[in-house]
Protein backbone atom coordinates (compact mmCIF):
# COMPACT_ATOMS: atom_id res chain seq x y z
CA MET A 1 -48.93 132.06 -153.35
CA SER A 2 -52.38 131.80 -154.98
CA LYS A 3 -55.58 132.99 -153.35
CA THR A 4 -56.71 129.38 -153.08
CA ALA A 5 -53.53 128.41 -151.26
CA ILE A 6 -53.85 131.37 -148.92
CA LEU A 7 -57.48 130.53 -148.18
CA THR A 8 -56.59 126.89 -147.62
CA ALA A 9 -53.83 127.93 -145.22
CA LEU A 10 -56.19 130.21 -143.29
CA VAL A 11 -58.85 127.51 -143.04
CA SER A 12 -56.24 125.02 -141.85
CA LEU A 13 -54.96 127.49 -139.25
CA ALA A 14 -58.50 128.18 -138.03
CA ALA A 15 -59.14 124.44 -137.72
CA VAL A 16 -55.96 123.97 -135.70
CA LEU A 17 -56.78 126.88 -133.40
CA TYR A 18 -60.52 126.28 -133.02
CA SER A 19 -60.36 123.21 -130.80
CA PRO A 20 -58.00 124.60 -128.12
CA ILE A 21 -59.71 128.00 -128.15
CA ALA A 22 -63.14 126.41 -127.82
CA LEU A 23 -61.80 124.34 -124.93
CA ARG A 24 -60.38 127.43 -123.23
CA VAL A 25 -63.75 129.20 -123.53
CA LYS A 26 -65.41 126.19 -121.92
CA VAL A 27 -62.88 125.72 -119.10
CA LEU A 28 -62.81 129.42 -118.22
CA GLY A 29 -66.61 129.31 -117.96
CA VAL A 30 -67.29 132.12 -120.42
CA SER A 31 -70.58 130.59 -121.58
CA ARG A 32 -71.63 129.70 -118.02
CA GLY A 33 -71.60 133.39 -117.21
CA PHE A 34 -74.68 133.84 -119.39
CA GLY A 35 -76.67 131.13 -117.64
CA THR A 36 -77.65 130.07 -114.15
CA ILE A 37 -75.50 127.88 -111.92
CA GLN A 38 -77.69 125.18 -110.41
CA ASN A 39 -76.77 124.34 -106.83
CA ILE A 40 -75.84 120.74 -106.11
CA HIS A 41 -75.36 120.81 -102.37
CA GLY A 42 -75.87 117.26 -101.21
CA GLU A 43 -77.29 117.10 -97.68
CA ALA A 44 -76.77 118.95 -94.40
CA LEU A 45 -74.74 121.77 -95.94
CA ARG A 46 -73.01 124.02 -93.41
CA VAL A 47 -70.00 126.34 -93.11
CA ILE A 48 -67.43 125.72 -90.38
CA PRO A 49 -66.62 128.83 -88.29
CA ASP A 50 -63.04 130.09 -87.83
CA THR A 51 -61.85 128.81 -91.21
CA LEU A 52 -61.46 132.05 -93.16
CA TYR A 53 -59.74 131.82 -96.55
CA CYS A 54 -58.47 128.24 -96.18
CA GLU A 55 -56.99 127.85 -99.65
CA ASP A 56 -55.81 124.28 -99.06
CA LEU A 57 -56.86 121.23 -97.01
CA HIS A 58 -55.22 117.90 -96.26
CA HIS A 59 -56.63 114.80 -94.60
CA HIS A 60 -54.36 113.29 -91.95
CA LEU A 61 -55.48 109.69 -92.19
CA PRO A 62 -53.95 108.36 -88.92
CA SER A 63 -55.91 110.86 -86.82
CA GLY A 64 -58.80 111.48 -89.21
CA LEU A 65 -58.29 115.25 -88.86
CA LEU A 66 -58.08 117.86 -91.60
CA PHE A 67 -55.32 120.49 -91.75
CA GLY A 68 -55.42 123.86 -93.48
CA ALA A 69 -54.01 127.38 -93.27
CA SER A 70 -56.44 130.19 -92.45
CA GLU A 71 -56.27 133.98 -92.46
CA ASP A 72 -57.26 136.23 -89.56
CA ASN A 73 -58.50 139.34 -91.39
CA PRO A 74 -60.67 139.27 -94.55
CA GLU A 75 -59.71 142.81 -95.60
CA ASN A 76 -56.00 142.11 -95.97
CA ARG A 77 -56.55 139.70 -98.85
CA TRP A 78 -57.56 142.66 -101.02
CA LYS A 79 -54.50 144.69 -100.04
CA TRP A 80 -51.69 142.15 -100.32
CA PHE A 81 -51.97 138.71 -101.92
CA PRO A 82 -49.33 137.93 -104.57
CA PRO A 83 -51.12 134.79 -105.90
CA ILE A 84 -53.74 137.05 -107.52
CA ALA A 85 -51.29 139.90 -108.21
CA ILE A 86 -52.48 142.18 -105.41
CA PHE A 87 -49.47 144.17 -104.20
CA SER A 88 -51.04 147.51 -103.26
CA GLU A 89 -50.28 147.51 -99.51
CA PRO A 90 -47.23 145.41 -98.59
CA THR A 91 -47.63 146.43 -94.96
CA ALA A 92 -51.18 145.01 -94.72
CA LEU A 93 -50.04 141.56 -93.69
CA GLY A 94 -52.19 139.08 -91.86
CA HIS A 95 -51.24 136.78 -89.03
CA GLY A 96 -52.81 133.59 -90.26
CA THR A 97 -52.45 130.23 -88.61
CA ILE A 98 -52.84 126.50 -89.07
CA VAL A 99 -56.34 125.18 -88.47
CA VAL A 100 -57.27 121.63 -87.51
CA ILE A 101 -60.78 120.49 -88.40
CA ASP A 102 -62.55 117.60 -86.70
CA PRO A 103 -64.72 115.96 -89.40
CA LYS A 104 -66.95 114.38 -86.76
CA THR A 105 -67.86 117.54 -84.84
CA PHE A 106 -67.35 120.00 -87.75
CA THR A 107 -65.37 122.30 -85.50
CA ALA A 108 -62.02 123.98 -86.15
CA THR A 109 -59.13 124.63 -83.79
CA ARG A 110 -56.88 127.55 -84.67
CA LEU A 111 -53.44 126.50 -83.51
CA THR A 112 -51.23 128.80 -81.50
CA LEU A 113 -47.96 129.16 -83.39
CA SER A 114 -45.08 129.16 -80.94
CA ASN A 115 -41.65 130.51 -81.83
CA PHE A 116 -43.26 132.36 -84.73
CA PRO A 117 -44.10 136.07 -84.51
CA GLY A 118 -45.39 136.23 -88.09
CA PRO A 119 -46.63 137.73 -90.30
CA PHE A 120 -48.19 134.75 -92.05
CA VAL A 121 -49.93 135.29 -95.41
CA THR A 122 -51.30 131.81 -96.03
CA HIS A 123 -51.69 129.76 -99.18
CA GLY A 124 -50.86 126.10 -99.95
CA ILE A 125 -49.71 123.60 -97.34
CA ASP A 126 -48.82 119.94 -96.94
CA ILE A 127 -48.39 117.60 -93.99
CA TYR A 128 -46.11 114.66 -93.25
CA SER A 129 -46.00 112.09 -90.46
CA LEU A 130 -43.44 109.36 -89.95
CA PRO A 131 -45.06 105.92 -90.28
CA THR A 132 -43.54 105.07 -86.90
CA ASP A 133 -44.94 108.20 -85.21
CA PRO A 134 -48.33 109.15 -86.68
CA THR A 135 -49.11 111.58 -83.85
CA SER A 136 -46.23 113.81 -84.95
CA VAL A 137 -47.10 116.07 -87.89
CA TYR A 138 -44.72 118.22 -89.91
CA ILE A 139 -46.54 121.08 -91.64
CA PHE A 140 -45.06 122.87 -94.65
CA ALA A 141 -46.82 126.14 -95.49
CA VAL A 142 -46.36 128.87 -98.10
CA ASN A 143 -45.96 132.38 -96.63
CA HIS A 144 -46.26 135.31 -99.05
CA LEU A 145 -44.07 137.99 -97.52
CA PRO A 146 -43.15 141.27 -99.22
CA ASN A 147 -39.67 141.82 -100.55
CA PRO A 148 -37.93 144.30 -98.21
CA ALA A 149 -36.28 145.93 -101.22
CA TYR A 150 -39.69 146.49 -102.79
CA VAL A 151 -41.10 147.98 -99.61
CA SER A 152 -38.25 150.51 -99.72
CA ALA A 153 -38.86 151.31 -103.41
CA PRO A 154 -42.44 150.27 -104.31
CA THR A 155 -42.43 152.13 -107.63
CA SER A 156 -39.47 150.18 -109.04
CA LEU A 157 -40.60 147.76 -111.75
CA SER A 158 -37.34 145.82 -111.60
CA ILE A 159 -37.73 144.71 -107.99
CA PRO A 160 -40.06 141.75 -107.31
CA ALA A 161 -42.80 142.78 -104.90
CA ALA A 162 -42.87 139.47 -103.01
CA ARG A 163 -40.23 137.33 -101.36
CA SER A 164 -42.37 134.32 -100.57
CA ARG A 165 -40.96 131.47 -98.56
CA ILE A 166 -41.93 128.20 -96.88
CA GLU A 167 -42.56 127.86 -93.15
CA LEU A 168 -42.03 124.52 -91.41
CA PHE A 169 -44.00 123.73 -88.26
CA HIS A 170 -44.31 120.71 -86.00
CA HIS A 171 -47.57 119.70 -84.34
CA THR A 172 -48.51 116.87 -82.01
CA ILE A 173 -52.01 115.47 -82.51
CA GLY A 174 -54.25 116.53 -79.64
CA SER A 175 -52.37 119.70 -78.76
CA SER A 176 -53.59 123.22 -79.48
CA SER A 177 -50.30 124.56 -80.81
CA ALA A 178 -47.64 124.10 -83.47
CA THR A 179 -43.97 124.97 -83.10
CA HIS A 180 -42.20 126.84 -85.85
CA LEU A 181 -39.01 124.97 -86.72
CA ARG A 182 -37.60 127.24 -89.42
CA SER A 183 -38.24 129.31 -92.54
CA ILE A 184 -37.05 128.16 -95.98
CA TYR A 185 -36.11 130.37 -98.92
CA HIS A 186 -34.27 129.81 -102.19
CA PRO A 187 -34.13 132.02 -105.30
CA LEU A 188 -35.85 129.25 -107.28
CA ILE A 189 -38.95 129.86 -105.14
CA ARG A 190 -40.53 132.67 -107.15
CA THR A 191 -44.32 132.39 -107.21
CA PRO A 192 -45.00 129.46 -104.86
CA ASN A 193 -48.47 128.03 -104.76
CA ASP A 194 -48.53 124.55 -103.26
CA ILE A 195 -46.33 121.95 -101.61
CA TYR A 196 -45.84 118.17 -101.81
CA ALA A 197 -44.06 116.82 -98.72
CA ILE A 198 -41.77 113.90 -99.56
CA ASN A 199 -40.63 113.54 -95.97
CA GLY A 200 -39.91 115.82 -93.02
CA THR A 201 -37.01 117.59 -94.75
CA SER A 202 -37.68 117.28 -98.50
CA PHE A 203 -40.53 118.63 -100.57
CA LEU A 204 -41.71 119.90 -103.94
CA VAL A 205 -43.14 123.37 -104.53
CA THR A 206 -44.91 124.77 -107.57
CA ASN A 207 -44.26 128.16 -109.13
CA ASP A 208 -47.67 128.94 -110.61
CA HIS A 209 -46.64 131.81 -112.90
CA TYR A 210 -43.47 132.91 -114.63
CA TYR A 211 -44.59 136.53 -114.70
CA ARG A 212 -45.62 137.99 -111.35
CA SER A 213 -47.95 140.64 -112.77
CA GLY A 214 -48.99 142.46 -115.93
CA LEU A 215 -50.27 141.44 -119.34
CA LEU A 216 -47.93 138.48 -119.75
CA ARG A 217 -49.22 137.01 -116.48
CA SER A 218 -52.75 137.33 -117.89
CA TYR A 219 -51.53 135.69 -121.09
CA GLU A 220 -50.36 132.75 -119.00
CA ASP A 221 -53.83 132.46 -117.49
CA ILE A 222 -55.73 132.41 -120.76
CA GLY A 223 -53.12 130.39 -122.64
CA TRP A 224 -52.43 126.67 -122.57
CA GLU A 225 -49.46 124.33 -122.62
CA ALA A 226 -48.57 124.91 -126.26
CA LEU A 227 -48.56 128.69 -125.83
CA ALA A 228 -47.22 129.34 -122.33
CA PRO A 229 -45.28 126.36 -120.90
CA TRP A 230 -43.30 128.64 -118.60
CA THR A 231 -43.75 127.46 -115.02
CA ASP A 232 -41.70 124.91 -113.13
CA LEU A 233 -41.72 122.47 -110.23
CA ILE A 234 -38.94 122.90 -107.67
CA ALA A 235 -37.44 120.16 -105.47
CA LEU A 236 -36.03 121.37 -102.13
CA SER A 237 -34.37 119.82 -99.15
CA ILE A 238 -33.03 121.13 -95.84
CA THR A 239 -30.24 119.72 -93.72
CA ASP A 240 -30.61 121.85 -90.58
CA LEU A 241 -33.94 122.23 -88.77
CA ASP A 242 -32.44 124.76 -86.36
CA ALA A 243 -31.17 127.25 -88.95
CA THR A 244 -32.17 130.82 -88.11
CA ASN A 245 -31.44 132.24 -91.57
CA ASP A 246 -34.05 131.12 -94.11
CA THR A 247 -31.41 130.52 -96.80
CA ASP A 248 -29.09 128.36 -94.68
CA ALA A 249 -28.83 124.61 -95.32
CA VAL A 250 -31.26 124.76 -98.26
CA THR A 251 -30.65 123.02 -101.57
CA ALA A 252 -32.95 123.29 -104.56
CA SER A 253 -33.22 122.16 -108.16
CA VAL A 254 -35.74 122.23 -110.96
CA ALA A 255 -37.60 118.90 -110.92
CA ARG A 256 -39.59 119.73 -114.03
CA LYS A 257 -39.86 122.78 -116.27
CA GLY A 258 -41.97 123.60 -119.27
CA ILE A 259 -45.33 123.29 -117.49
CA HIS A 260 -48.32 125.54 -118.02
CA ASN A 261 -49.80 127.19 -114.88
CA ASN A 262 -48.24 124.59 -112.60
CA ASN A 263 -50.44 125.03 -109.52
CA GLY A 264 -51.87 122.67 -106.92
CA LEU A 265 -50.15 119.51 -105.71
CA GLY A 266 -51.56 116.41 -104.05
CA HIS A 267 -50.73 112.86 -103.03
CA GLY A 268 -52.13 110.15 -105.27
CA ARG A 269 -53.17 106.52 -105.08
CA VAL A 270 -49.83 105.12 -103.94
CA PRO A 271 -46.71 106.55 -102.29
CA GLY A 272 -44.68 108.49 -104.84
CA GLU A 273 -47.64 109.41 -107.03
CA VAL A 274 -47.77 113.19 -107.45
CA LEU A 275 -50.90 115.01 -108.57
CA ILE A 276 -50.34 118.33 -110.34
CA ASN A 277 -53.04 120.66 -111.60
CA ASP A 278 -52.59 122.88 -114.63
CA ALA A 279 -55.03 125.28 -113.03
CA SER A 280 -56.33 127.60 -115.73
CA ALA A 281 -56.32 124.86 -118.38
CA GLY A 282 -58.31 122.49 -116.16
CA VAL A 283 -55.93 119.56 -116.51
CA LEU A 284 -55.02 117.04 -113.81
CA VAL A 285 -51.52 115.67 -114.45
CA VAL A 286 -50.44 112.44 -112.74
CA ALA A 287 -46.71 112.06 -112.15
CA GLN A 288 -44.29 109.71 -110.41
CA LEU A 289 -41.24 110.34 -108.25
CA ASP A 290 -37.79 108.71 -108.57
CA PRO A 291 -37.28 109.47 -111.36
CA PHE A 292 -39.78 112.28 -111.79
CA ARG A 293 -41.96 111.68 -114.85
CA PHE A 294 -45.48 112.31 -116.11
CA SER A 295 -47.66 109.23 -116.43
CA GLY A 296 -51.06 110.55 -117.48
CA SER A 297 -53.51 113.44 -117.55
CA VAL A 298 -57.24 114.15 -117.41
CA GLN A 299 -59.01 117.15 -118.96
CA LEU A 300 -61.80 118.67 -116.83
CA PRO A 301 -64.45 121.21 -117.96
CA CYS A 302 -63.49 123.92 -115.47
CA THR A 303 -60.37 125.38 -113.90
CA LEU A 304 -58.74 123.39 -111.10
CA ASP A 305 -56.51 124.05 -108.14
CA ASN A 306 -55.40 121.68 -105.37
CA PRO A 307 -56.10 117.99 -106.08
CA SER A 308 -56.67 115.27 -103.50
CA TYR A 309 -57.23 111.52 -103.65
CA PHE A 310 -60.03 109.70 -101.88
CA ALA A 311 -59.21 106.10 -100.95
CA ASP A 312 -62.61 104.55 -100.20
CA PRO A 313 -62.27 102.89 -96.77
CA TYR A 314 -65.53 100.97 -97.24
CA ALA A 315 -64.92 99.57 -100.72
CA ALA A 316 -64.66 95.95 -99.55
CA GLN A 317 -67.56 96.30 -97.11
CA THR A 318 -69.90 97.64 -99.80
CA ALA A 319 -68.47 95.76 -102.79
CA SER A 320 -68.32 99.15 -104.47
CA ASP A 321 -65.15 101.20 -104.77
CA ALA A 322 -65.70 104.98 -104.90
CA SER A 323 -61.99 105.83 -104.79
CA GLY A 324 -60.89 108.63 -107.07
CA TYR A 325 -59.35 112.03 -107.57
CA VAL A 326 -61.27 114.91 -105.97
CA LEU A 327 -60.96 118.15 -107.90
CA ALA A 328 -62.38 121.56 -107.04
CA GLY A 329 -62.44 124.58 -109.30
CA LEU A 330 -64.20 127.67 -110.59
CA ALA A 331 -67.28 127.47 -112.80
CA GLU A 332 -66.76 131.03 -114.12
CA ALA A 333 -63.03 131.57 -113.82
CA ALA A 334 -63.07 134.30 -116.46
CA LYS A 335 -64.60 136.61 -113.82
CA PHE A 336 -62.18 135.70 -111.02
CA PRO A 337 -61.52 137.30 -108.56
CA LYS A 338 -64.55 139.55 -109.09
CA GLY A 339 -68.14 138.41 -108.75
CA ASP A 340 -69.59 135.49 -106.79
CA ASN A 341 -67.09 132.94 -108.18
CA PRO A 342 -69.35 129.84 -108.48
CA VAL A 343 -67.67 126.52 -107.83
CA MET A 344 -67.62 122.92 -108.99
CA VAL A 345 -66.26 119.73 -107.38
CA TRP A 346 -65.60 116.60 -109.41
CA LEU A 347 -64.90 112.97 -108.51
CA VAL A 348 -62.72 111.48 -111.26
CA GLN A 349 -62.32 107.70 -111.48
CA PRO A 350 -60.72 105.32 -113.98
CA ALA A 351 -63.40 103.65 -116.10
CA ALA A 352 -61.46 101.42 -118.47
CA THR A 353 -58.35 101.18 -120.59
CA ASN A 354 -58.73 101.72 -124.31
CA ASP A 355 -57.45 98.54 -125.96
CA ALA A 356 -56.45 100.41 -129.12
CA THR A 357 -54.49 103.24 -127.52
CA GLY A 358 -53.64 101.82 -124.10
CA LYS A 359 -54.85 105.05 -122.50
CA VAL A 360 -56.98 105.11 -119.37
CA GLU A 361 -60.48 106.45 -119.84
CA TRP A 362 -62.08 108.35 -116.98
CA THR A 363 -65.49 109.03 -115.52
CA GLN A 364 -66.12 112.54 -114.22
CA LYS A 365 -68.92 112.94 -111.70
CA LEU A 366 -70.05 116.39 -110.56
CA ILE A 367 -70.65 115.89 -106.82
CA PHE A 368 -71.01 119.51 -105.68
CA GLN A 369 -71.85 122.83 -107.25
CA ASP A 370 -72.58 126.23 -105.72
CA ASP A 371 -73.55 129.54 -107.29
CA GLY A 372 -71.09 131.40 -105.08
CA LYS A 373 -73.63 132.43 -102.47
CA VAL A 374 -72.59 129.80 -99.91
CA LEU A 375 -69.03 129.21 -101.05
CA ARG A 376 -67.13 131.89 -102.92
CA THR A 377 -64.29 130.19 -104.81
CA ALA A 378 -63.14 126.59 -104.43
CA SER A 379 -59.51 125.60 -104.62
CA THR A 380 -59.55 122.30 -102.77
CA ALA A 381 -61.94 119.54 -101.75
CA VAL A 382 -61.50 116.50 -99.50
CA LEU A 383 -63.81 113.51 -99.05
CA VAL A 384 -64.13 111.70 -95.71
CA GLY A 385 -65.98 108.41 -96.01
CA ILE A 386 -69.08 107.65 -93.92
CA ASP A 387 -69.49 104.13 -92.52
CA PRO A 388 -72.56 102.64 -94.25
CA ALA A 389 -73.29 100.69 -91.06
CA GLU A 390 -73.93 104.03 -89.36
CA ASN A 391 -75.65 105.61 -92.36
CA GLU A 392 -78.58 103.29 -93.17
CA GLY A 393 -76.41 101.47 -95.68
CA ARG A 394 -75.99 104.51 -97.91
CA LYS A 395 -72.78 105.01 -99.90
CA GLN A 396 -71.85 108.57 -98.91
CA ALA A 397 -69.01 110.79 -97.71
CA TRP A 398 -68.59 114.17 -96.06
CA LEU A 399 -67.24 116.64 -98.59
CA PHE A 400 -65.13 119.55 -97.31
CA VAL A 401 -64.65 122.39 -99.81
CA THR A 402 -62.87 125.72 -99.47
CA GLY A 403 -61.12 128.42 -101.46
CA PRO A 404 -58.91 131.51 -101.28
CA LEU A 405 -61.90 133.88 -101.06
CA SER A 406 -64.30 131.65 -99.12
CA LEU A 407 -65.35 132.91 -95.71
CA GLY A 408 -65.26 129.38 -94.33
CA VAL A 409 -64.90 125.70 -95.16
CA ALA A 410 -68.19 124.31 -96.47
CA VAL A 411 -69.15 120.73 -95.68
CA SER A 412 -72.01 118.56 -96.94
CA ARG A 413 -72.94 114.90 -97.20
CA VAL A 414 -72.73 113.68 -100.80
CA ASP A 415 -73.58 110.46 -102.62
CA LEU A 416 -70.70 108.48 -104.08
């Protein structure tokens, strides 16, 4: 091969690689680390007490309440937390709980978990209510427990450190407790992150990494779909709510494989729409159930975690529809989990359909930003609409934001 051909090949390779690498640098916030993060806090910013390390939040529309899972001890997160590859002290396990937040009083109730001695190392959750009984709430929650075999031989590299599973609780709106129905484990649950409840006995769960630790796990984080499409989405169902063994009456299958950093899950615009975040690549993927298929995606300029959808309840009243996907993430993910971990929250809405390509074009509005001093990390955000009739006619919502290293759920009033 001639020198000209070799040079041409190298230039072509550089051109192919430049765009995705430049995008990775942007999404991981490398350049933001050399600047200043400007706070965009909206109005009346506050932090809700008793909501430590709520990594996920869900809005229960029938009651108007928010549900999350919260830790009880901030020190344990730095001793044992498999989602960020911390395995140093498998006996330092917290006894987290489910929290219920009232968006009108900005207070949180930490539920008493009956029939459940713990431990409970919290992460992603989801909720489900029967349409015929909206006061009854089923709560699916990830619990990152250590593998007993690893605890017995912590120096063995061949034994997975964690044996994470899903806990299923039942709660009645208005009560101060939740009853543990059963634990759920299957070998396909490897590195669970988040849950999508299909009904009270069926759900999806993401495995966010193929590798649990080490350099290849880091490669997954800095890579993208073309380089590391190794994670999968698991579909599970249970047929016995009274099973005492976590493996009994559990069936599982791979709903989708070949995904990069398959992470947060959320419910979309209509029943059966599944929101999936490719976290480190900053991509929202929209999918459909029955049969499971991808239907679109949106690239964001920062990493993402747990998506939610805001259905504007005052669209008709105001002749302005602010409905859209609400996406929280890290402004400087390259430094995570060290540093202040500044955060961003975006409202993503369809703008138009490109006549030439048929693809939906999107608007991306930055509605909240913090330098990490008020809110350290953001993995989820939920909007709760404010009645313009009670708000001087202003088009606003209460924004609730939280993350795996945040000392509490932050809330502020933002313009839509």
